[in-house]
């Protein structure tokens, strides 16, 4: 998953997908051993970091 403000740029996500595919295609051994991950924008996009910080805070409060 790609998070943060940059995740709003669909062209970036598509380019990452394409280049990852090219890496696997150009490296036969790697291509046979790696299952390509699903590369998508994070659900909360630009707010992903805020949810992560809140989660860490809440976890810390439970201790």
C-alpha atoms as a PDB file:
ATOM      1  CA  UNK A   1       0.000   0.000   0.000  1.00  0.00           C
ATOM      2  CA  UNK A   2       1.110   3.493  -0.792  1.00  0.00           C
ATOM      3  CA  UNK A   3       0.059   6.069   1.809  1.00  0.00           C
ATOM      4  CA  UNK A   4       0.394   9.787   2.313  1.00  0.00           C
ATOM      5  CA  UNK A   5      -0.457  12.639   0.009  1.00  0.00           C
ATOM      6  CA  UNK A   6       1.411  11.059  -2.889  1.00  0.00           C
ATOM      7  CA  UNK A   7      -1.110   8.203  -2.888  1.00  0.00           C
ATOM      8  CA  UNK A   8      -3.611  10.570  -4.516  1.00  0.00           C
ATOM      9  CA  UNK A   9      -1.509  10.448  -7.687  1.00  0.00           C
ATOM     10  CA  UNK A  10      -2.860   7.389  -9.511  1.00  0.00           C
ATOM     11  CA  UNK A  11      -0.154   7.790 -12.162  1.00  0.00           C
ATOM     12  CA  UNK A  12       2.506   7.136  -9.510  1.00  0.00           C
ATOM     13  CA  UNK A  13       0.842   3.927  -8.354  1.00  0.00           C
ATOM     14  CA  UNK A  14       0.509   2.733 -11.948  1.00  0.00           C
ATOM     15  CA  UNK A  15       4.174   3.515 -12.610  1.00  0.00           C
ATOM     16  CA  UNK A  16       5.257   1.558  -9.522  1.00  0.00           C
ATOM     17  CA  UNK A  17       3.162  -1.418 -10.684  1.00  0.00           C
ATOM     18  CA  UNK A  18       4.656  -1.261 -14.170  1.00  0.00           C
ATOM     19  CA  UNK A  19       8.257  -0.959 -12.975  1.00  0.00           C
ATOM     20  CA  UNK A  20       7.847  -3.776 -10.465  1.00  0.00           C
ATOM     21  CA  UNK A  21       6.532  -5.967 -13.276  1.00  0.00           C
ATOM     22  CA  UNK A  22       9.505  -5.029 -15.452  1.00  0.00           C
ATOM     23  CA  UNK A  23      11.935  -5.935 -12.664  1.00  0.00           C
ATOM     24  CA  UNK A  24      10.356  -9.380 -12.356  1.00  0.00           C
ATOM     25  CA  UNK A  25      10.298  -9.851 -16.112  1.00  0.00           C
ATOM     26  CA  UNK A  26      13.954  -8.820 -16.545  1.00  0.00           C
ATOM     27  CA  UNK A  27      15.165 -11.099 -13.732  1.00  0.00           C
ATOM     28  CA  UNK A  28      13.947 -14.630 -14.535  1.00  0.00           C
ATOM     29  CA  UNK A  29      15.076 -16.170 -11.241  1.00  0.00           C
ATOM     30  CA  UNK A  30      13.437 -13.419  -9.245  1.00  0.00           C
ATOM     31  CA  UNK A  31      10.345 -13.604 -11.433  1.00  0.00           C
ATOM     32  CA  UNK A  32       9.948 -17.307 -10.633  1.00  0.00           C
ATOM     33  CA  UNK A  33      10.279 -16.798  -6.884  1.00  0.00           C
ATOM     34  CA  UNK A  34       8.344 -13.603  -6.179  1.00  0.00           C
ATOM     35  CA  UNK A  35       4.588 -13.286  -6.268  1.00  0.00           C
ATOM     36  CA  UNK A  36       3.814  -9.704  -7.278  1.00  0.00           C
ATOM     37  CA  UNK A  37       2.056  -7.846  -4.464  1.00  0.00           C
ATOM     38  CA  UNK A  38      -1.083  -5.837  -5.028  1.00  0.00           C
ATOM     39  CA  UNK A  39       0.082  -2.225  -5.200  1.00  0.00           C
ATOM     40  CA  UNK A  40      -2.740   0.125  -4.222  1.00  0.00           C
ATOM     41  CA  UNK A  41      -3.320   3.415  -2.455  1.00  0.00           C
ATOM     42  CA  UNK A  42      -3.827   3.099   1.286  1.00  0.00           C
ATOM     43  CA  UNK A  43      -7.460   3.225   2.360  1.00  0.00           C
ATOM     44  CA  UNK A  44      -7.046   6.475   4.286  1.00  0.00           C
ATOM     45  CA  UNK A  45      -4.669   8.038   1.731  1.00  0.00           C
ATOM     46  CA  UNK A  46      -3.201  11.255   3.153  1.00  0.00           C
ATOM     47  CA  UNK A  47      -4.536  10.539   6.653  1.00  0.00           C
ATOM     48  CA  UNK A  48      -2.801   7.164   6.964  1.00  0.00           C
ATOM     49  CA  UNK A  49      -0.038   8.620   9.135  1.00  0.00           C
ATOM     50  CA  UNK A  50      -2.609  10.177  11.484  1.00  0.00           C
ATOM     51  CA  UNK A  51      -4.379   6.864  12.006  1.00  0.00           C
ATOM     52  CA  UNK A  52      -1.026   5.189  12.642  1.00  0.00           C
ATOM     53  CA  UNK A  53      -0.114   7.810  15.249  1.00  0.00           C
ATOM     54  CA  UNK A  54      -3.518   7.452  16.928  1.00  0.00           C
ATOM     55  CA  UNK A  55      -3.156   3.678  17.010  1.00  0.00           C
ATOM     56  CA  UNK A  56       0.291   3.957  18.635  1.00  0.00           C
ATOM     57  CA  UNK A  57      -1.065   6.426  21.203  1.00  0.00           C
ATOM     58  CA  UNK A  58      -4.015   4.187  22.083  1.00  0.00           C
ATOM     59  CA  UNK A  59      -1.733   1.154  22.349  1.00  0.00           C
ATOM     60  CA  UNK A  60       0.564   3.074  24.683  1.00  0.00           C
ATOM     61  CA  UNK A  61      -2.361   4.131  26.874  1.00  0.00           C
ATOM     62  CA  UNK A  62      -3.418   0.522  27.371  1.00  0.00           C
ATOM     63  CA  UNK A  63      -0.076  -0.412  28.987  1.00  0.00           C
END
